[in-house]
């Protein structure tokens, strides 16, 4: 039983070490609502020219309304835009800052 518990603890630690959290807090551009920004961010992320030029594979994007405390759900969002090397999710490349800046979103310190 002790071996199984030790193996579980080691496996859990390895799983945590491989987790990535790319979320960054941004204020929406002036005049955008959450739906418009989500659509614009998703389209820009999925077609990001520098990532395409680098032969990367689109992985994921997300726009989560509000800050880390659930406040400001209409004006701030936790966002990310991630690509990877040929489908290898263990080599992610985030373009969040570049895509957000191209849309006029600004970083918010929490």
N, C-alpha and C. Protein backbone atom coordinates (compact mmCIF):
# COMPACT_ATOMS: atom_id res chain seq x y z
N UNK A 1 0.82 -1.19 0.00
CA UNK A 1 0.00 0.00 0.00
C UNK A 1 0.86 1.26 0.00
N UNK A 2 1.98 1.21 0.73
CA UNK A 2 2.84 2.40 0.78
C UNK A 2 3.42 2.71 -0.59
N UNK A 3 3.77 1.67 -1.34
CA UNK A 3 4.33 1.90 -2.66
C UNK A 3 3.30 2.59 -3.55
N UNK A 4 2.06 2.13 -3.50
CA UNK A 4 1.01 2.72 -4.32
C UNK A 4 0.80 4.19 -3.96
N UNK A 5 0.82 4.50 -2.68
CA UNK A 5 0.65 5.88 -2.24
C UNK A 5 1.82 6.73 -2.71
N UNK A 6 3.03 6.19 -2.59
CA UNK A 6 4.21 6.93 -3.05
C UNK A 6 4.16 7.16 -4.55
N UNK A 7 3.77 6.15 -5.29
CA UNK A 7 3.67 6.28 -6.75
C UNK A 7 2.62 7.33 -7.12
N UNK A 8 1.52 7.34 -6.40
CA UNK A 8 0.47 8.32 -6.65
C UNK A 8 0.96 9.74 -6.38
N UNK A 9 1.70 9.92 -5.31
CA UNK A 9 2.23 11.25 -4.97
C UNK A 9 3.21 11.71 -6.04
N UNK A 10 4.10 10.82 -6.49
CA UNK A 10 5.06 11.18 -7.54
C UNK A 10 4.33 11.51 -8.84
N UNK A 11 3.36 10.71 -9.21
CA UNK A 11 2.61 10.96 -10.43
C UNK A 11 1.86 12.28 -10.36
N UNK A 12 1.31 12.60 -9.21
CA UNK A 12 0.60 13.86 -9.03
C UNK A 12 1.55 15.04 -9.16
N UNK A 13 2.72 14.92 -8.59
CA UNK A 13 3.70 16.01 -8.66
C UNK A 13 4.16 16.23 -10.10
N UNK A 14 4.35 15.16 -10.85
CA UNK A 14 4.76 15.28 -12.24
C UNK A 14 3.66 15.95 -13.05
N UNK A 15 2.42 15.57 -12.80
CA UNK A 15 1.29 16.18 -13.50
C UNK A 15 1.20 17.67 -13.25
N UNK A 16 1.41 18.08 -12.03
CA UNK A 16 1.36 19.50 -11.69
C UNK A 16 2.51 20.24 -12.36
N UNK A 17 3.67 19.64 -12.41
CA UNK A 17 4.83 20.29 -13.00
C UNK A 17 4.64 20.53 -14.49
N UNK A 18 3.83 19.73 -15.16
CA UNK A 18 3.64 19.87 -16.59
C UNK A 18 2.46 20.77 -16.94
N UNK A 19 1.73 21.24 -15.98
CA UNK A 19 0.57 22.09 -16.24
C UNK A 19 1.02 23.50 -16.60
N UNK A 20 0.31 24.10 -17.55
CA UNK A 20 0.60 25.46 -17.96
C UNK A 20 -0.63 26.31 -17.68
N UNK A 21 -0.42 27.51 -17.21
CA UNK A 21 -1.51 28.47 -17.03
C UNK A 21 -1.11 29.74 -17.76
N UNK A 22 -1.66 29.93 -18.93
CA UNK A 22 -1.30 31.06 -19.77
C UNK A 22 -2.22 32.26 -19.58
N UNK A 23 -3.20 32.16 -18.69
CA UNK A 23 -4.17 33.26 -18.54
C UNK A 23 -3.49 34.55 -18.11
N UNK A 24 -3.85 35.63 -18.79
CA UNK A 24 -3.38 36.96 -18.44
C UNK A 24 -4.60 37.86 -18.34
N UNK A 25 -4.57 38.80 -17.42
CA UNK A 25 -5.70 39.70 -17.20
C UNK A 25 -5.56 40.94 -18.08
N UNK A 26 -6.59 41.20 -18.88
CA UNK A 26 -6.60 42.34 -19.79
C UNK A 26 -7.90 43.11 -19.69
N UNK A 27 -7.80 44.42 -19.92
CA UNK A 27 -8.98 45.27 -20.05
C UNK A 27 -9.38 45.27 -21.52
N UNK A 28 -10.67 45.15 -21.77
CA UNK A 28 -11.16 45.14 -23.14
C UNK A 28 -10.91 46.50 -23.80
N UNK A 29 -10.75 46.51 -25.11
CA UNK A 29 -10.59 47.78 -25.82
C UNK A 29 -11.85 48.64 -25.64
N UNK A 30 -11.65 49.93 -25.63
CA UNK A 30 -12.78 50.86 -25.49
C UNK A 30 -13.78 50.62 -26.61
N UNK A 31 -15.04 50.50 -26.24
CA UNK A 31 -16.10 50.30 -27.22
C UNK A 31 -16.44 48.85 -27.50
N UNK A 32 -15.62 47.92 -27.07
CA UNK A 32 -15.91 46.49 -27.27
C UNK A 32 -16.72 45.94 -26.11
N UNK A 33 -17.67 45.06 -26.42
CA UNK A 33 -18.30 44.29 -25.35
C UNK A 33 -17.63 42.91 -25.32
N UNK A 34 -17.99 42.09 -24.35
CA UNK A 34 -17.31 40.81 -24.15
C UNK A 34 -17.48 39.89 -25.37
N UNK A 35 -18.67 39.86 -25.95
CA UNK A 35 -18.90 38.98 -27.10
C UNK A 35 -18.05 39.41 -28.28
N UNK A 36 -18.06 40.71 -28.58
CA UNK A 36 -17.27 41.22 -29.71
C UNK A 36 -15.78 40.95 -29.50
N UNK A 37 -15.29 41.21 -28.30
CA UNK A 37 -13.87 40.97 -28.03
C UNK A 37 -13.53 39.49 -28.14
N UNK A 38 -14.39 38.62 -27.63
CA UNK A 38 -14.14 37.18 -27.70
C UNK A 38 -14.02 36.71 -29.15
N UNK A 39 -14.93 37.16 -29.99
CA UNK A 39 -14.90 36.79 -31.41
C UNK A 39 -13.63 37.34 -32.07
N UNK A 40 -13.34 38.61 -31.84
CA UNK A 40 -12.16 39.23 -32.44
C UNK A 40 -10.87 38.56 -31.97
N UNK A 41 -10.78 38.29 -30.66
CA UNK A 41 -9.58 37.66 -30.11
C UNK A 41 -9.41 36.24 -30.66
N UNK A 42 -10.49 35.49 -30.71
CA UNK A 42 -10.43 34.12 -31.23
C UNK A 42 -10.00 34.07 -32.68
N UNK A 43 -10.57 34.96 -33.50
CA UNK A 43 -10.20 35.00 -34.91
C UNK A 43 -8.75 35.44 -35.10
N UNK A 44 -8.35 36.47 -34.38
CA UNK A 44 -6.97 36.95 -34.51
C UNK A 44 -5.98 35.89 -34.04
N UNK A 45 -6.30 35.22 -32.95
CA UNK A 45 -5.42 34.19 -32.42
C UNK A 45 -5.27 33.03 -33.40
N UNK A 46 -6.39 32.53 -33.90
CA UNK A 46 -6.37 31.35 -34.77
C UNK A 46 -5.70 31.62 -36.12
N UNK A 47 -5.59 32.89 -36.49
CA UNK A 47 -4.98 33.24 -37.78
C UNK A 47 -3.75 34.12 -37.60
N UNK A 48 -3.07 34.01 -36.45
CA UNK A 48 -1.96 34.88 -36.12
C UNK A 48 -0.79 34.63 -37.08
N UNK A 49 -0.47 35.62 -37.90
CA UNK A 49 0.54 35.48 -38.96
C UNK A 49 1.92 35.04 -38.46
N UNK A 50 2.46 35.60 -37.37
CA UNK A 50 3.77 35.13 -36.91
C UNK A 50 3.79 33.64 -36.54
N UNK A 51 2.70 33.14 -35.99
CA UNK A 51 2.63 31.72 -35.65
C UNK A 51 2.55 30.87 -36.92
N UNK A 52 1.76 31.33 -37.87
CA UNK A 52 1.66 30.61 -39.14
C UNK A 52 3.00 30.61 -39.86
N UNK A 53 3.68 31.75 -39.85
CA UNK A 53 4.99 31.85 -40.51
C UNK A 53 6.03 30.95 -39.86
N UNK A 54 5.87 30.69 -38.56
CA UNK A 54 6.79 29.81 -37.84
C UNK A 54 6.40 28.35 -37.95
N UNK A 55 5.38 28.05 -38.77
CA UNK A 55 4.90 26.68 -38.97
C UNK A 55 4.38 26.04 -37.69
N UNK A 56 3.80 26.84 -36.81
CA UNK A 56 3.23 26.31 -35.58
C UNK A 56 1.81 25.82 -35.82
N UNK A 57 1.30 25.03 -34.89
CA UNK A 57 -0.05 24.50 -34.95
C UNK A 57 -0.91 25.20 -33.90
N UNK A 58 -2.06 25.71 -34.34
CA UNK A 58 -2.97 26.37 -33.41
C UNK A 58 -3.44 25.37 -32.36
N UNK A 59 -3.36 25.74 -31.08
CA UNK A 59 -3.78 24.86 -30.00
C UNK A 59 -5.09 25.31 -29.39
N UNK A 60 -5.13 26.55 -28.86
CA UNK A 60 -6.32 26.95 -28.11
C UNK A 60 -6.29 28.45 -27.83
N UNK A 61 -7.47 28.99 -27.61
CA UNK A 61 -7.60 30.34 -27.08
C UNK A 61 -8.76 30.31 -26.10
N UNK A 62 -8.79 31.29 -25.22
CA UNK A 62 -9.93 31.40 -24.30
C UNK A 62 -10.04 32.83 -23.82
N UNK A 63 -11.28 33.22 -23.58
CA UNK A 63 -11.59 34.52 -22.99
C UNK A 63 -12.55 34.24 -21.84
N UNK A 64 -12.10 34.48 -20.62
CA UNK A 64 -12.91 34.25 -19.43
C UNK A 64 -13.26 35.60 -18.81
N UNK A 65 -14.53 36.01 -18.85
CA UNK A 65 -14.91 37.33 -18.35
C UNK A 65 -14.55 37.53 -16.88
N UNK A 66 -14.10 38.75 -16.56
CA UNK A 66 -13.83 39.12 -15.18
C UNK A 66 -12.38 38.93 -14.77
N UNK A 67 -12.06 39.50 -13.61
CA UNK A 67 -10.71 39.37 -13.08
C UNK A 67 -10.60 38.07 -12.27
N UNK A 68 -9.51 37.91 -11.53
CA UNK A 68 -9.28 36.68 -10.77
C UNK A 68 -10.19 36.54 -9.56
N UNK A 69 -10.97 37.58 -9.27
CA UNK A 69 -11.90 37.55 -8.14
C UNK A 69 -13.35 37.54 -8.61
N UNK A 70 -13.56 37.47 -9.93
CA UNK A 70 -14.90 37.45 -10.49
C UNK A 70 -15.51 38.83 -10.67
N UNK A 71 -14.71 39.88 -10.51
CA UNK A 71 -15.20 41.25 -10.68
C UNK A 71 -14.96 41.74 -12.10
N UNK A 72 -15.60 42.85 -12.45
CA UNK A 72 -15.39 43.54 -13.74
C UNK A 72 -15.64 42.64 -14.95
N UNK A 73 -16.72 41.88 -14.90
CA UNK A 73 -16.99 40.90 -15.96
C UNK A 73 -17.36 41.52 -17.30
N UNK A 74 -17.63 42.80 -17.34
CA UNK A 74 -17.96 43.44 -18.61
C UNK A 74 -16.79 44.21 -19.21
N UNK A 75 -15.73 44.42 -18.42
CA UNK A 75 -14.63 45.26 -18.89
C UNK A 75 -13.26 44.58 -18.84
N UNK A 76 -13.15 43.46 -18.16
CA UNK A 76 -11.87 42.75 -18.05
C UNK A 76 -12.07 41.26 -18.33
N UNK A 77 -11.00 40.63 -18.78
CA UNK A 77 -11.07 39.19 -19.04
C UNK A 77 -9.70 38.56 -18.85
N UNK A 78 -9.72 37.30 -18.46
CA UNK A 78 -8.52 36.47 -18.40
C UNK A 78 -8.45 35.77 -19.76
N UNK A 79 -7.37 36.00 -20.48
CA UNK A 79 -7.29 35.52 -21.86
C UNK A 79 -5.99 34.74 -22.11
N UNK A 80 -6.03 33.89 -23.13
CA UNK A 80 -4.80 33.28 -23.62
C UNK A 80 -4.97 32.85 -25.08
N UNK A 81 -3.84 32.81 -25.77
CA UNK A 81 -3.76 32.38 -27.16
C UNK A 81 -2.51 31.52 -27.26
N UNK A 82 -2.67 30.23 -27.57
CA UNK A 82 -1.54 29.30 -27.53
C UNK A 82 -1.44 28.49 -28.82
N UNK A 83 -0.24 28.40 -29.31
CA UNK A 83 0.12 27.56 -30.45
C UNK A 83 1.18 26.57 -29.97
N UNK A 84 1.47 25.54 -30.79
CA UNK A 84 2.52 24.60 -30.39
C UNK A 84 3.29 24.10 -31.61
N UNK A 85 4.33 23.34 -31.34
CA UNK A 85 5.20 22.78 -32.38
C UNK A 85 4.59 21.51 -32.95
N UNK A 86 3.96 21.59 -34.08
CA UNK A 86 3.45 20.41 -34.77
C UNK A 86 2.50 19.54 -33.97
N UNK A 87 1.68 20.14 -33.15
CA UNK A 87 0.73 19.39 -32.35
C UNK A 87 1.27 18.88 -31.03
N UNK A 88 2.53 19.19 -30.73
CA UNK A 88 3.13 18.75 -29.47
C UNK A 88 2.73 19.72 -28.36
N UNK A 89 1.76 19.33 -27.56
CA UNK A 89 1.24 20.21 -26.51
C UNK A 89 2.25 20.45 -25.39
N UNK A 90 3.37 19.75 -25.42
CA UNK A 90 4.41 19.94 -24.41
C UNK A 90 5.39 21.05 -24.80
N UNK A 91 5.19 21.64 -25.98
CA UNK A 91 6.03 22.76 -26.42
C UNK A 91 5.13 23.93 -26.83
N UNK A 92 4.38 24.48 -25.88
CA UNK A 92 3.46 25.57 -26.23
C UNK A 92 4.18 26.91 -26.42
N UNK A 93 3.58 27.73 -27.27
CA UNK A 93 4.05 29.09 -27.49
C UNK A 93 2.85 30.01 -27.35
N UNK A 94 2.92 30.93 -26.41
CA UNK A 94 1.81 31.85 -26.17
C UNK A 94 2.00 33.13 -26.97
N UNK A 95 0.93 33.56 -27.63
CA UNK A 95 0.91 34.82 -28.36
C UNK A 95 -0.11 35.78 -27.76
N UNK A 96 -0.50 35.54 -26.54
CA UNK A 96 -1.55 36.31 -25.89
C UNK A 96 -1.26 37.81 -25.91
N UNK A 97 -0.09 38.21 -25.48
CA UNK A 97 0.24 39.63 -25.38
C UNK A 97 0.20 40.31 -26.75
N UNK A 98 0.74 39.65 -27.75
CA UNK A 98 0.78 40.23 -29.09
C UNK A 98 -0.62 40.37 -29.69
N UNK A 99 -1.42 39.32 -29.57
CA UNK A 99 -2.77 39.36 -30.12
C UNK A 99 -3.61 40.40 -29.39
N UNK A 100 -3.52 40.42 -28.07
CA UNK A 100 -4.29 41.40 -27.28
C UNK A 100 -3.90 42.83 -27.67
N UNK A 101 -2.61 43.09 -27.80
CA UNK A 101 -2.14 44.43 -28.17
C UNK A 101 -2.65 44.83 -29.55
N UNK A 102 -2.68 43.87 -30.47
CA UNK A 102 -3.15 44.18 -31.83
C UNK A 102 -4.61 44.59 -31.85
N UNK A 103 -5.36 44.19 -30.84
CA UNK A 103 -6.79 44.52 -30.75
C UNK A 103 -7.05 45.74 -29.88
N UNK A 104 -6.01 46.26 -29.25
CA UNK A 104 -6.17 47.42 -28.38
C UNK A 104 -6.50 47.11 -26.94
N UNK A 105 -6.42 45.84 -26.55
CA UNK A 105 -6.63 45.46 -25.15
C UNK A 105 -5.38 45.82 -24.36
N UNK A 106 -5.56 46.15 -23.09
CA UNK A 106 -4.42 46.56 -22.27
C UNK A 106 -4.29 45.67 -21.04
N UNK A 107 -3.05 45.34 -20.65
CA UNK A 107 -2.84 44.49 -19.48
C UNK A 107 -3.30 45.19 -18.21
N UNK A 108 -3.83 44.39 -17.29
CA UNK A 108 -4.28 44.89 -15.99
C UNK A 108 -3.47 44.17 -14.93
N UNK A 109 -2.90 44.91 -13.99
CA UNK A 109 -2.21 44.25 -12.87
C UNK A 109 -3.24 43.95 -11.80
N UNK A 110 -3.18 42.75 -11.25
CA UNK A 110 -4.18 42.30 -10.26
C UNK A 110 -3.70 42.55 -8.87
